[in-house]
Amino acid sequence: MFPTALAFATWAYALARTTAGRMGATTYAVPALVVPMSWLFLDEVPGAVTLLGGAGCLAGVAMARGRAGEAVPTPSPATPRCPATPGAVRRTGPGP
């Protein structure tokens, strides 16, 4: 129970300092960190497929976090859209 509480506390600490999207991308680094830890502490020698999977996870994290300075523009709708019909404009006054 203590490791789970420690993990949630660490996650909450980090999440308070960044966005959920950026934190979500870092979860892909977990397998790449656990494999060396299990090798070090439990003498579990990783196989080639395991190492390849860890490299893939790290590559995914690098790609997801690689655009760190770019802001994604959020559209500000000038006219309200009808949620039932994509692209349709909602009428706000009396019709024809």
Protein backbone atom coordinates (compact mmCIF):
# COMPACT_ATOMS: atom_id res chain seq x y z
CA MET A 1 0.00 0.00 0.00
CA PHE A 2 2.88 2.39 0.71
CA PRO A 3 4.32 2.24 -2.85
CA THR A 4 0.90 3.07 -4.30
CA ALA A 5 0.46 6.01 -1.94
CA LEU A 6 3.95 7.23 -2.81
CA ALA A 7 3.21 6.94 -6.53
CA PHE A 8 -0.04 8.91 -6.25
CA ALA A 9 1.61 11.59 -4.14
CA THR A 10 4.44 11.93 -6.66
CA TRP A 11 1.93 12.08 -9.53
CA ALA A 12 -0.10 14.78 -7.78
CA TYR A 13 3.04 16.80 -7.04
CA ALA A 14 4.15 16.69 -10.66
CA LEU A 15 0.65 17.29 -12.04
CA ALA A 16 0.37 20.48 -9.99
CA ARG A 17 3.40 21.81 -11.85
CA THR A 18 2.52 20.90 -15.46
CA THR A 19 -0.44 19.95 -17.68
CA ALA A 20 -2.16 16.59 -17.71
CA GLY A 21 -1.22 16.06 -21.35
CA ARG A 22 2.47 16.44 -20.64
CA MET A 23 2.24 14.19 -17.59
CA GLY A 24 0.33 11.57 -19.55
CA ALA A 25 3.18 11.34 -22.03
CA THR A 26 5.66 10.62 -19.25
CA THR A 27 3.81 7.41 -18.29
CA TYR A 28 5.41 5.83 -21.35
CA ALA A 29 8.76 6.19 -19.61
CA VAL A 30 7.72 3.81 -16.81
CA PRO A 31 8.61 0.53 -18.61
CA ALA A 32 11.97 1.94 -19.65
CA LEU A 33 12.72 2.78 -16.02
CA VAL A 34 11.40 -0.44 -14.51
CA VAL A 35 13.50 -2.76 -16.70
CA PRO A 36 16.87 -1.42 -15.45
CA MET A 37 15.53 -1.34 -11.90
CA SER A 38 14.47 -5.00 -12.06
CA TRP A 39 17.87 -5.86 -13.55
CA LEU A 40 19.65 -4.01 -10.76
CA PHE A 41 17.55 -5.09 -7.76
CA LEU A 42 16.14 -8.50 -8.81
CA ASP A 43 18.85 -9.79 -11.19
CA GLU A 44 16.28 -10.17 -13.99
CA VAL A 45 18.25 -9.94 -17.22
CA PRO A 46 16.14 -8.26 -19.92
CA GLY A 47 15.83 -9.93 -23.30
CA ALA A 48 16.25 -8.29 -26.68
CA VAL A 49 12.50 -7.79 -27.13
CA THR A 50 12.28 -6.13 -23.73
CA LEU A 51 15.08 -3.72 -24.56
CA LEU A 52 13.52 -2.97 -27.94
CA GLY A 53 10.18 -2.24 -26.24
CA GLY A 54 11.87 0.08 -23.76
CA ALA A 55 13.57 1.94 -26.60
CA GLY A 56 10.21 2.28 -28.33
CA CYS A 57 8.65 3.71 -25.17
CA LEU A 58 11.45 6.25 -24.81
CA ALA A 59 11.12 7.22 -28.48
CA GLY A 60 7.39 7.78 -27.94
CA VAL A 61 8.06 10.02 -24.96
CA ALA A 62 10.63 11.99 -26.95
CA MET A 63 8.18 12.49 -29.82
CA ALA A 64 5.31 13.46 -27.52
CA ARG A 65 7.37 15.97 -25.57
CA GLY A 66 9.44 17.20 -28.48
CA ARG A 67 7.20 20.16 -29.29
CA ALA A 68 7.57 21.69 -25.86
CA GLY A 69 7.68 25.37 -26.87
CA GLU A 70 4.79 25.47 -29.31
CA ALA A 71 1.41 26.62 -28.14
CA VAL A 72 -1.60 25.01 -29.73
CA PRO A 73 -4.05 27.74 -30.73
CA THR A 74 -7.54 27.32 -29.36
CA PRO A 75 -10.27 28.42 -31.73
CA SER A 76 -12.58 31.14 -30.49
CA PRO A 77 -15.89 30.67 -32.26
CA ALA A 78 -17.30 33.89 -33.70
CA THR A 79 -20.69 32.29 -34.25
CA PRO A 80 -22.14 29.58 -32.04
CA ARG A 81 -22.24 26.15 -33.67
CA CYS A 82 -25.08 23.67 -33.42
CA PRO A 83 -23.70 20.59 -31.64
CA ALA A 84 -26.16 18.21 -33.35
CA THR A 85 -25.12 19.16 -36.90
CA PRO A 86 -21.41 19.77 -37.51
CA GLY A 87 -20.84 23.03 -39.36
CA ALA A 88 -24.40 24.31 -38.88
CA VAL A 89 -24.88 27.77 -37.38
CA ARG A 90 -27.33 28.03 -34.52
CA ARG A 91 -29.98 30.70 -34.96
CA THR A 92 -30.21 33.10 -32.07
CA GLY A 93 -33.14 35.21 -33.25
CA PRO A 94 -36.49 34.71 -34.96
CA GLY A 95 -36.32 32.61 -38.12
CA PRO A 96 -37.45 33.60 -41.64
